[in-house]
Amino acid sequence: MHHTWTRYLTPGPVHHRLGLVCLGVGLQHGTLPVVGPRVLGHHVAVLVTAGGGWYAGPDGRRHPVTAPALLWLTPGVPHHYGADPATGWDEAFVDFTGPATTAYAELGCIDADRPLVPLTDAAPARAVVARIARAARHDNPLLEIETAAAVHELLVVLRRTRAGTGPAPGTDPVLTGLARDAFRPLTVAEHAARHGLTPAALRAAVHRATGRGPKDYLLTVRLDRAKELLAATELPVAAVARRVGYDDPAYFSRLFTRRVGTAPARFRAQRARPALGGGVPDPEHPPAPAGESV
């Protein structure tokens, strides 16, 4: 016996320009019918929150599925799966598509090479799917926008709760160390040595965590801090450059302009709002909202 609730959506062309759109959402449980073999033209995230079953990819070999787990169904890839016929499973799924899927794949949030993914906790993703289901009412004027925004969130939540890919989010020692040392004149090899890694191992660790290399990660940390200093202080551009690790202010200005799209001085002119009391903002300890204690 099984129970199924599904809703399918047909977003318009303007909604596809949001980058991701939701094509369907479903909540099911019990001894569900076997799915496939089949091939789809869009992505599906199948969230197994209780119970177990099996999954088979293009080679036809069955792999056991034990909750909590995620099945990534990607376009053009044959798949076949089913719940245990004796015990069944609890399932939530979201169909989606859009040009942003390419970037999410490059950033490691969609892994076509790993279609069966153990999760540390299904509850956060299940909550996002429930919000999509609530928003998918045909009398909701923001139906396509709300569901699209939630698909973006779902991909992030699934990446955060993926098991076996390193430390818990926010506690990655490699990223913590790189961010701490980002403003020091260290090469990638020197950063790697500080973590007891080879440069190749450091590149692999950073790419696995962020979808990009160490140099790009360090550059982002430096430019983020430079923006904060330009917007909230009156430090000369040369001083800001030195604060974030660049002794040559001309090189810093060219790098900033190329990456940000505007020169440091113009960025300051557009956004400057000196901090009360002249203090420099601390990005690691933001102030509490008015009326709240720190």
C-alpha atoms as a PDB file:
ATOM      1  CA  MET A   1       0.000   0.000   0.000  1.00  0.00           C
ATOM      2  CA  HIS A   2       1.280   3.478  -0.750  1.00  0.00           C
ATOM      3  CA  HIS A   3       0.197   7.118  -0.622  1.00  0.00           C
ATOM      4  CA  THR A   4       1.168   9.726  -3.228  1.00  0.00           C
ATOM      5  CA  TRP A   5       0.741  13.481  -3.569  1.00  0.00           C
ATOM      6  CA  THR A   6       2.246  15.227  -6.609  1.00  0.00           C
ATOM      7  CA  ARG A   7       1.958  18.506  -8.423  1.00  0.00           C
ATOM      8  CA  TYR A   8       3.513  19.393 -11.786  1.00  0.00           C
ATOM      9  CA  LEU A   9       4.256  22.952 -12.888  1.00  0.00           C
ATOM     10  CA  THR A  10       4.774  24.652 -16.236  1.00  0.00           C
ATOM     11  CA  PRO A  11       6.831  27.839 -15.702  1.00  0.00           C
ATOM     12  CA  GLY A  12       6.801  30.445 -18.472  1.00  0.00           C
ATOM     13  CA  PRO A  13       9.817  31.729 -20.433  1.00  0.00           C
ATOM     14  CA  VAL A  14      10.341  34.661 -18.070  1.00  0.00           C
ATOM     15  CA  HIS A  15      10.551  32.299 -15.097  1.00  0.00           C
ATOM     16  CA  HIS A  16      13.287  30.266 -16.803  1.00  0.00           C
ATOM     17  CA  ARG A  17      15.401  33.421 -16.719  1.00  0.00           C
ATOM     18  CA  LEU A  18      15.530  33.009 -12.927  1.00  0.00           C
ATOM     19  CA  GLY A  19      18.150  30.325 -13.567  1.00  0.00           C
ATOM     20  CA  LEU A  20      16.266  27.449 -11.968  1.00  0.00           C
ATOM     21  CA  VAL A  21      12.594  26.523 -12.165  1.00  0.00           C
ATOM     22  CA  CYS A  22      10.580  23.867 -10.399  1.00  0.00           C
ATOM     23  CA  LEU A  23       8.805  21.448 -12.716  1.00  0.00           C
ATOM     24  CA  GLY A  24       7.217  19.245 -10.078  1.00  0.00           C
ATOM     25  CA  VAL A  25       7.110  18.270  -6.433  1.00  0.00           C
ATOM     26  CA  GLY A  26       5.874  15.140  -4.715  1.00  0.00           C
ATOM     27  CA  LEU A  27       5.523  13.540  -1.277  1.00  0.00           C
ATOM     28  CA  GLN A  28       5.099   9.766  -1.190  1.00  0.00           C
ATOM     29  CA  HIS A  29       5.401   6.868   1.247  1.00  0.00           C
ATOM     30  CA  GLY A  30       4.807   3.160   1.472  1.00  0.00           C
ATOM     31  CA  THR A  31       5.509   0.303  -0.914  1.00  0.00           C
ATOM     32  CA  LEU A  32       5.741   2.550  -3.959  1.00  0.00           C
ATOM     33  CA  PRO A  33       5.793   1.201  -7.525  1.00  0.00           C
ATOM     34  CA  VAL A  34       9.197   0.715  -9.135  1.00  0.00           C
ATOM     35  CA  VAL A  35      10.368   3.654 -11.289  1.00  0.00           C
ATOM     36  CA  GLY A  36      11.942   2.984 -14.686  1.00  0.00           C
ATOM     37  CA  PRO A  37      14.054   2.045 -16.392  1.00  0.00           C
ATOM     38  CA  ARG A  38      13.744   5.510 -17.911  1.00  0.00           C
ATOM     39  CA  VAL A  39      15.687   8.569 -19.083  1.00  0.00           C
ATOM     40  CA  LEU A  40      14.644  12.161 -18.287  1.00  0.00           C
ATOM     41  CA  GLY A  41      15.443  15.473 -19.891  1.00  0.00           C
ATOM     42  CA  HIS A  42      15.672  17.393 -16.603  1.00  0.00           C
ATOM     43  CA  HIS A  43      17.032  17.013 -13.064  1.00  0.00           C
ATOM     44  CA  VAL A  44      15.239  15.352 -10.167  1.00  0.00           C
ATOM     45  CA  ALA A  45      16.289  15.269  -6.515  1.00  0.00           C
ATOM     46  CA  VAL A  46      14.695  12.223  -4.834  1.00  0.00           C
ATOM     47  CA  LEU A  47      14.974  12.451  -1.054  1.00  0.00           C
ATOM     48  CA  VAL A  48      14.533   9.166   0.838  1.00  0.00           C
ATOM     49  CA  THR A  49      13.763  10.089   4.444  1.00  0.00           C
ATOM     50  CA  ALA A  50      12.845   6.695   5.934  1.00  0.00           C
ATOM     51  CA  GLY A  51      13.095   3.048   4.955  1.00  0.00           C
ATOM     52  CA  GLY A  52      15.173   1.657   2.126  1.00  0.00           C
ATOM     53  CA  GLY A  53      15.267   0.140  -1.320  1.00  0.00           C
ATOM     54  CA  TRP A  54      17.606   0.101  -4.303  1.00  0.00           C
ATOM     55  CA  TYR A  55      18.932   2.199  -7.189  1.00  0.00           C
ATOM     56  CA  ALA A  56      20.381   1.135 -10.555  1.00  0.00           C
ATOM     57  CA  GLY A  57      22.234   3.353 -13.007  1.00  0.00           C
ATOM     58  CA  PRO A  58      23.206   2.847 -16.656  1.00  0.00           C
ATOM     59  CA  ASP A  59      25.036  -0.419 -15.939  1.00  0.00           C
ATOM     60  CA  GLY A  60      21.894  -1.983 -14.439  1.00  0.00           C
ATOM     61  CA  ARG A  61      23.582  -3.016 -11.183  1.00  0.00           C
ATOM     62  CA  ARG A  62      21.432  -2.490  -8.114  1.00  0.00           C
ATOM     63  CA  HIS A  63      22.840  -0.560  -5.171  1.00  0.00           C
ATOM     64  CA  PRO A  64      21.150  -0.584  -1.759  1.00  0.00           C
ATOM     65  CA  VAL A  65      19.539   2.661  -0.604  1.00  0.00           C
ATOM     66  CA  THR A  66      19.188   3.340   3.122  1.00  0.00           C
ATOM     67  CA  ALA A  67      17.618   6.519   4.482  1.00  0.00           C
ATOM     68  CA  PRO A  68      18.572   9.272   4.785  1.00  0.00           C
ATOM     69  CA  ALA A  69      19.756   9.373   1.206  1.00  0.00           C
ATOM     70  CA  LEU A  70      19.514  11.362  -1.999  1.00  0.00           C
ATOM     71  CA  LEU A  71      19.076  10.053  -5.530  1.00  0.00           C
ATOM     72  CA  TRP A  72      20.352  12.475  -8.184  1.00  0.00           C
ATOM     73  CA  LEU A  73      18.538  11.848 -11.464  1.00  0.00           C
ATOM     74  CA  THR A  74      20.319  13.802 -14.188  1.00  0.00           C
ATOM     75  CA  PRO A  75      19.309  14.506 -17.797  1.00  0.00           C
ATOM     76  CA  GLY A  76      20.105  11.805 -20.313  1.00  0.00           C
ATOM     77  CA  VAL A  77      21.228   9.230 -17.727  1.00  0.00           C
ATOM     78  CA  PRO A  78      19.241   5.945 -17.541  1.00  0.00           C
ATOM     79  CA  HIS A  79      18.039   5.070 -14.044  1.00  0.00           C
ATOM     80  CA  HIS A  80      15.829   2.558 -12.282  1.00  0.00           C
ATOM     81  CA  TYR A  81      14.893   2.477  -8.597  1.00  0.00           C
ATOM     82  CA  GLY A  82      12.369   1.201  -6.113  1.00  0.00           C
ATOM     83  CA  ALA A  83      11.441   0.960  -2.458  1.00  0.00           C
ATOM     84  CA  ASP A  84      11.789  -2.305  -0.563  1.00  0.00           C
ATOM     85  CA  PRO A  85       8.617  -4.230  -1.492  1.00  0.00           C
ATOM     86  CA  ALA A  86       8.177  -5.389   2.103  1.00  0.00           C
ATOM     87  CA  THR A  87       8.791  -2.191   4.071  1.00  0.00           C
ATOM     88  CA  GLY A  88       8.643   0.627   1.511  1.00  0.00           C
ATOM     89  CA  TRP A  89      10.189   4.034   2.050  1.00  0.00           C
ATOM     90  CA  ASP A  90       9.264   7.687   2.587  1.00  0.00           C
ATOM     91  CA  GLU A  91      10.150   9.855  -0.395  1.00  0.00           C
ATOM     92  CA  ALA A  92      10.035  13.496  -1.403  1.00  0.00           C
ATOM     93  CA  PHE A  93      11.052  14.625  -4.874  1.00  0.00           C
ATOM     94  CA  VAL A  94      11.575  17.864  -6.774  1.00  0.00           C
ATOM     95  CA  ASP A  95      11.867  18.075 -10.580  1.00  0.00           C
ATOM     96  CA  PHE A  96      13.795  21.115 -11.804  1.00  0.00           C
ATOM     97  CA  THR A  97      15.721  22.548 -14.727  1.00  0.00           C
ATOM     98  CA  GLY A  98      17.416  25.749 -15.856  1.00  0.00           C
ATOM     99  CA  PRO A  99      20.742  27.179 -17.021  1.00  0.00           C
ATOM    100  CA  ALA A 100      21.962  27.538 -13.423  1.00  0.00           C
ATOM    101  CA  THR A 101      22.252  23.746 -13.134  1.00  0.00           C
ATOM    102  CA  THR A 102      25.567  23.992 -15.002  1.00  0.00           C
ATOM    103  CA  ALA A 103      27.052  26.332 -12.409  1.00  0.00           C
ATOM    104  CA  TYR A 104      25.675  24.281  -9.513  1.00  0.00           C
ATOM    105  CA  ALA A 105      27.342  21.201 -11.024  1.00  0.00           C
ATOM    106  CA  GLU A 106      30.666  23.038 -11.367  1.00  0.00           C
ATOM    107  CA  LEU A 107      30.384  24.124  -7.716  1.00  0.00           C
ATOM    108  CA  GLY A 108      29.770  20.557  -6.572  1.00  0.00           C
ATOM    109  CA  CYS A 109      26.139  20.980  -5.551  1.00  0.00           C
ATOM    110  CA  ILE A 110      24.953  18.606  -8.284  1.00  0.00           C
ATOM    111  CA  ASP A 111      27.179  15.562  -8.743  1.00  0.00           C
ATOM    112  CA  ALA A 112      26.212  13.532 -11.789  1.00  0.00           C
ATOM    113  CA  ASP A 113      29.042  11.102 -11.035  1.00  0.00           C
ATOM    114  CA  ARG A 114      27.552  10.309  -7.637  1.00  0.00           C
ATOM    115  CA  PRO A 115      23.849   9.579  -8.192  1.00  0.00           C
ATOM    116  CA  LEU A 116      23.364   7.841  -4.817  1.00  0.00           C
ATOM    117  CA  VAL A 117      24.355  10.148  -1.957  1.00  0.00           C
ATOM    118  CA  PRO A 118      24.113   9.318   1.774  1.00  0.00           C
ATOM    119  CA  LEU A 119      22.948  12.281   3.853  1.00  0.00           C
ATOM    120  CA  THR A 120      23.758  13.151   7.448  1.00  0.00           C
ATOM    121  CA  ASP A 121      20.230  14.462   8.047  1.00  0.00           C
ATOM    122  CA  ALA A 122      17.215  14.567   5.741  1.00  0.00           C
ATOM    123  CA  ALA A 123      15.160  16.972   7.871  1.00  0.00           C
ATOM    124  CA  PRO A 124      16.527  20.300   6.474  1.00  0.00           C
ATOM    125  CA  ALA A 125      15.970  19.241   2.851  1.00  0.00           C
ATOM    126  CA  ARG A 126      12.596  17.732   3.693  1.00  0.00           C
ATOM    127  CA  ALA A 127      11.544  21.085   5.174  1.00  0.00           C
ATOM    128  CA  VAL A 128      12.486  22.888   1.934  1.00  0.00           C
ATOM    129  CA  VAL A 129      10.506  20.369  -0.146  1.00  0.00           C
ATOM    130  CA  ALA A 130       7.518  20.904   2.160  1.00  0.00           C
ATOM    131  CA  ARG A 131       7.733  24.663   1.496  1.00  0.00           C
ATOM    132  CA  ILE A 132       7.789  24.006  -2.244  1.00  0.00           C
ATOM    133  CA  ALA A 133       4.704  21.814  -1.869  1.00  0.00           C
ATOM    134  CA  ARG A 134       2.882  24.541   0.088  1.00  0.00           C
ATOM    135  CA  ALA A 135       3.817  27.183  -2.489  1.00  0.00           C
ATOM    136  CA  ALA A 136       2.721  25.025  -5.442  1.00  0.00           C
ATOM    137  CA  ARG A 137      -0.909  26.126  -5.265  1.00  0.00           C
ATOM    138  CA  HIS A 138      -2.428  27.302  -8.507  1.00  0.00           C
ATOM    139  CA  ASP A 139      -4.076  30.216  -6.680  1.00  0.00           C
ATOM    140  CA  ASN A 140      -0.647  31.440  -5.519  1.00  0.00           C
ATOM    141  CA  PRO A 141       0.323  34.390  -7.750  1.00  0.00           C
ATOM    142  CA  LEU A 142       3.996  33.911  -6.821  1.00  0.00           C
ATOM    143  CA  LEU A 143       3.947  30.148  -7.420  1.00  0.00           C
ATOM    144  CA  GLU A 144       6.792  29.980  -9.962  1.00  0.00           C
ATOM    145  CA  ILE A 145       8.961  32.551  -8.166  1.00  0.00           C
ATOM    146  CA  GLU A 146       8.620  30.973  -4.721  1.00  0.00           C
ATOM    147  CA  THR A 147       9.238  27.464  -5.961  1.00  0.00           C
ATOM    148  CA  ALA A 148      12.235  28.575  -8.044  1.00  0.00           C
ATOM    149  CA  ALA A 149      13.808  30.337  -5.065  1.00  0.00           C
ATOM    150  CA  ALA A 150      13.291  27.224  -2.957  1.00  0.00           C
ATOM    151  CA  VAL A 151      15.032  25.012  -5.539  1.00  0.00           C
ATOM    152  CA  HIS A 152      18.146  27.189  -5.152  1.00  0.00           C
ATOM    153  CA  GLU A 153      17.913  26.718  -1.390  1.00  0.00           C
ATOM    154  CA  LEU A 154      17.356  22.983  -1.754  1.00  0.00           C
ATOM    155  CA  LEU A 155      20.593  22.522  -3.692  1.00  0.00           C
ATOM    156  CA  VAL A 156      22.539  24.344  -0.985  1.00  0.00           C
ATOM    157  CA  VAL A 157      20.899  22.370   1.825  1.00  0.00           C
ATOM    158  CA  LEU A 158      21.571  19.067   0.076  1.00  0.00           C
ATOM    159  CA  ARG A 159      25.224  20.031  -0.342  1.00  0.00           C
ATOM    160  CA  ARG A 160      25.474  20.916   3.349  1.00  0.00           C
ATOM    161  CA  THR A 161      23.964  17.627   4.508  1.00  0.00           C
ATOM    162  CA  ARG A 162      25.880  15.339   2.143  1.00  0.00           C
ATOM    163  CA  ALA A 163      27.630  12.632   4.134  1.00  0.00           C
ATOM    164  CA  GLY A 164      31.229  11.557   3.638  1.00  0.00           C
ATOM    165  CA  THR A 165      32.531  14.747   2.051  1.00  0.00           C
ATOM    166  CA  GLY A 166      34.468  16.258   4.933  1.00  0.00           C
ATOM    167  CA  PRO A 167      33.798  18.261   8.111  1.00  0.00           C
ATOM    168  CA  ALA A 168      30.454  19.733   8.989  1.00  0.00           C
ATOM    169  CA  PRO A 169      29.631  23.039   7.251  1.00  0.00           C
ATOM    170  CA  GLY A 170      31.264  26.016   8.906  1.00  0.00           C
ATOM    171  CA  THR A 171      33.949  23.891  10.547  1.00  0.00           C
ATOM    172  CA  ASP A 172      36.202  22.998   7.612  1.00  0.00           C
ATOM    173  CA  PRO A 173      39.730  23.469   9.032  1.00  0.00           C
ATOM    174  CA  VAL A 174      41.273  24.001   5.599  1.00  0.00           C
ATOM    175  CA  LEU A 175      38.892  26.825   4.668  1.00  0.00           C
ATOM    176  CA  THR A 176      39.188  28.293   8.162  1.00  0.00           C
ATOM    177  CA  GLY A 177      42.977  28.320   7.884  1.00  0.00           C
ATOM    178  CA  LEU A 178      42.982  29.762   4.380  1.00  0.00           C
ATOM    179  CA  ALA A 179      40.613  32.552   5.390  1.00  0.00           C
ATOM    180  CA  ARG A 180      42.746  33.295   8.462  1.00  0.00           C
ATOM    181  CA  ASP A 181      45.962  33.476   6.430  1.00  0.00           C
ATOM    182  CA  ALA A 182      44.479  34.984   3.255  1.00  0.00           C
ATOM    183  CA  PHE A 183      46.116  38.380   3.772  1.00  0.00           C
ATOM    184  CA  ARG A 184      49.624  36.965   4.303  1.00  0.00           C
ATOM    185  CA  PRO A 185      52.113  36.758   1.395  1.00  0.00           C
ATOM    186  CA  LEU A 186      51.983  32.958   1.124  1.00  0.00           C
ATOM    187  CA  THR A 187      52.085  30.803  -1.975  1.00  0.00           C
ATOM    188  CA  VAL A 188      49.652  27.925  -2.470  1.00  0.00           C
ATOM    189  CA  ALA A 189      52.506  25.534  -1.613  1.00  0.00           C
ATOM    190  CA  GLU A 190      53.135  27.416   1.648  1.00  0.00           C
ATOM    191  CA  HIS A 191      49.435  27.391   2.528  1.00  0.00           C
ATOM    192  CA  ALA A 192      49.397  23.642   1.845  1.00  0.00           C
ATOM    193  CA  ALA A 193      52.426  23.050   4.069  1.00  0.00           C
ATOM    194  CA  ARG A 194      50.743  24.878   6.958  1.00  0.00           C
ATOM    195  CA  HIS A 195      47.985  22.262   6.757  1.00  0.00           C
ATOM    196  CA  GLY A 196      50.316  19.316   6.294  1.00  0.00           C
ATOM    197  CA  LEU A 197      49.118  18.837   2.705  1.00  0.00           C
ATOM    198  CA  THR A 198      50.683  18.744  -0.709  1.00  0.00           C
ATOM    199  CA  PRO A 199      49.607  21.520  -3.100  1.00  0.00           C
ATOM    200  CA  ALA A 200      47.593  18.942  -5.066  1.00  0.00           C
ATOM    201  CA  ALA A 201      45.842  17.730  -1.905  1.00  0.00           C
ATOM    202  CA  LEU A 202      45.053  21.323  -0.921  1.00  0.00           C
ATOM    203  CA  ARG A 203      43.590  22.036  -4.359  1.00  0.00           C
ATOM    204  CA  ALA A 204      41.459  18.900  -4.123  1.00  0.00           C
ATOM    205  CA  ALA A 205      40.233  19.764  -0.612  1.00  0.00           C
ATOM    206  CA  VAL A 206      39.279  23.333  -1.539  1.00  0.00           C
ATOM    207  CA  HIS A 207      37.620  22.276  -4.771  1.00  0.00           C
ATOM    208  CA  ARG A 208      35.645  19.584  -2.951  1.00  0.00           C
ATOM    209  CA  ALA A 209      34.427  22.132  -0.399  1.00  0.00           C
ATOM    210  CA  THR A 210      33.836  25.158  -2.623  1.00  0.00           C
ATOM    211  CA  GLY A 211      33.927  24.079  -6.259  1.00  0.00           C
ATOM    212  CA  ARG A 212      36.941  26.297  -7.006  1.00  0.00           C
ATOM    213  CA  GLY A 213      40.690  26.372  -6.507  1.00  0.00           C
ATOM    214  CA  PRO A 214      42.715  27.820  -3.587  1.00  0.00           C
ATOM    215  CA  LYS A 215      43.885  30.903  -5.526  1.00  0.00           C
ATOM    216  CA  ASP A 216      40.334  31.869  -6.443  1.00  0.00           C
ATOM    217  CA  TYR A 217      39.122  31.214  -2.893  1.00  0.00           C
ATOM    218  CA  LEU A 218      41.920  33.369  -1.411  1.00  0.00           C
ATOM    219  CA  LEU A 219      41.251  36.133  -3.957  1.00  0.00           C
ATOM    220  CA  THR A 220      37.575  36.170  -2.999  1.00  0.00           C
ATOM    221  CA  VAL A 221      38.398  36.481   0.710  1.00  0.00           C
ATOM    222  CA  ARG A 222      40.795  39.354  -0.011  1.00  0.00           C
ATOM    223  CA  LEU A 223      38.396  41.250  -2.257  1.00  0.00           C
ATOM    224  CA  ASP A 224      35.468  40.772   0.128  1.00  0.00           C
ATOM    225  CA  ARG A 225      37.538  42.369   2.908  1.00  0.00           C
ATOM    226  CA  ALA A 226      38.731  45.129   0.600  1.00  0.00           C
ATOM    227  CA  LYS A 227      35.129  46.025  -0.200  1.00  0.00           C
ATOM    228  CA  GLU A 228      34.299  46.225   3.510  1.00  0.00           C
ATOM    229  CA  LEU A 229      37.266  48.529   4.171  1.00  0.00           C
ATOM    230  CA  LEU A 230      36.491  50.747   1.182  1.00  0.00           C
ATOM    231  CA  ALA A 231      32.836  51.101   2.160  1.00  0.00           C
ATOM    232  CA  ALA A 232      33.261  51.599   5.915  1.00  0.00           C
ATOM    233  CA  THR A 233      36.596  53.427   6.372  1.00  0.00           C
ATOM    234  CA  GLU A 234      38.469  56.374   4.932  1.00  0.00           C
ATOM    235  CA  LEU A 235      41.698  54.440   4.486  1.00  0.00           C
ATOM    236  CA  PRO A 236      43.511  55.347   1.248  1.00  0.00           C
ATOM    237  CA  VAL A 237      43.251  52.748  -1.485  1.00  0.00           C
ATOM    238  CA  ALA A 238      46.953  51.960  -1.059  1.00  0.00           C
ATOM    239  CA  ALA A 239      46.399  51.249   2.644  1.00  0.00           C
ATOM    240  CA  VAL A 240      43.423  49.023   1.845  1.00  0.00           C
ATOM    241  CA  ALA A 241      45.598  47.142  -0.646  1.00  0.00           C
ATOM    242  CA  ARG A 242      48.251  46.525   2.021  1.00  0.00           C
ATOM    243  CA  ARG A 243      45.617  45.424   4.552  1.00  0.00           C
ATOM    244  CA  VAL A 244      44.428  42.674   2.220  1.00  0.00           C
ATOM    245  CA  GLY A 245      47.874  41.474   1.141  1.00  0.00           C
ATOM    246  CA  TYR A 246      48.936  43.592  -1.860  1.00  0.00           C
ATOM    247  CA  ASP A 247      52.057  45.766  -1.578  1.00  0.00           C
ATOM    248  CA  ASP A 248      51.523  47.184  -5.067  1.00  0.00           C
ATOM    249  CA  PRO A 249      48.390  49.398  -5.008  1.00  0.00           C
ATOM    250  CA  ALA A 250      48.348  49.698  -8.812  1.00  0.00           C
ATOM    251  CA  TYR A 251      48.239  45.917  -9.180  1.00  0.00           C
ATOM    252  CA  PHE A 252      45.519  45.735  -6.510  1.00  0.00           C
ATOM    253  CA  SER A 253      43.449  48.372  -8.368  1.00  0.00           C
ATOM    254  CA  ARG A 254      43.753  46.519 -11.676  1.00  0.00           C
ATOM    255  CA  LEU A 255      42.842  43.210 -10.025  1.00  0.00           C
ATOM    256  CA  PHE A 256      39.913  44.753  -8.143  1.00  0.00           C
ATOM    257  CA  THR A 257      38.598  46.459 -11.271  1.00  0.00           C
ATOM    258  CA  ARG A 258      38.860  43.320 -13.385  1.00  0.00           C
ATOM    259  CA  ARG A 259      37.113  41.109 -10.831  1.00  0.00           C
ATOM    260  CA  VAL A 260      34.543  43.552  -9.367  1.00  0.00           C
ATOM    261  CA  GLY A 261      33.816  45.525 -12.532  1.00  0.00           C
ATOM    262  CA  THR A 262      34.562  48.932 -11.062  1.00  0.00           C
ATOM    263  CA  ALA A 263      37.652  50.663  -9.682  1.00  0.00           C
ATOM    264  CA  PRO A 264      38.211  50.764  -5.887  1.00  0.00           C
ATOM    265  CA  ALA A 265      37.705  54.536  -5.705  1.00  0.00           C
ATOM    266  CA  ARG A 266      34.444  54.357  -7.626  1.00  0.00           C
ATOM    267  CA  PHE A 267      33.259  51.423  -5.507  1.00  0.00           C
ATOM    268  CA  ARG A 268      33.908  53.564  -2.412  1.00  0.00           C
ATOM    269  CA  ALA A 269      32.092  56.568  -3.869  1.00  0.00           C
ATOM    270  CA  GLN A 270      29.023  54.465  -4.598  1.00  0.00           C
ATOM    271  CA  ARG A 271      28.845  52.636  -1.267  1.00  0.00           C
ATOM    272  CA  ALA A 272      30.792  54.554   1.341  1.00  0.00           C
ATOM    273  CA  ARG A 273      29.107  54.771   4.713  1.00  0.00           C
ATOM    274  CA  PRO A 274      31.712  55.197   7.437  1.00  0.00           C
ATOM    275  CA  ALA A 275      31.103  53.096  10.533  1.00  0.00           C
ATOM    276  CA  LEU A 276      29.865  54.988  13.581  1.00  0.00           C
ATOM    277  CA  GLY A 277      32.813  55.991  15.723  1.00  0.00           C
ATOM    278  CA  GLY A 278      35.210  55.292  12.859  1.00  0.00           C
ATOM    279  CA  GLY A 279      35.435  51.601  13.667  1.00  0.00           C
ATOM    280  CA  VAL A 280      36.379  48.984  11.092  1.00  0.00           C
ATOM    281  CA  PRO A 281      33.682  46.322  10.640  1.00  0.00           C
ATOM    282  CA  ASP A 282      34.455  42.824  11.882  1.00  0.00           C
ATOM    283  CA  PRO A 283      32.957  40.384   9.359  1.00  0.00           C
ATOM    284  CA  GLU A 284      33.227  37.471  11.800  1.00  0.00           C
ATOM    285  CA  HIS A 285      31.191  39.222  14.511  1.00  0.00           C
ATOM    286  CA  PRO A 286      28.355  41.285  13.014  1.00  0.00           C
ATOM    287  CA  PRO A 287      26.486  43.589  15.380  1.00  0.00           C
ATOM    288  CA  ALA A 288      23.179  42.449  16.839  1.00  0.00           C
ATOM    289  CA  PRO A 289      20.046  44.093  15.392  1.00  0.00           C
ATOM    290  CA  ALA A 290      18.636  47.030  17.338  1.00  0.00           C
ATOM    291  CA  GLY A 291      16.882  45.877  20.478  1.00  0.00           C
ATOM    292  CA  GLU A 292      18.842  42.620  20.738  1.00  0.00           C
ATOM    293  CA  SER A 293      21.691  41.927  23.093  1.00  0.00           C
ATOM    294  CA  VAL A 294      24.979  40.623  21.697  1.00  0.00           C
END
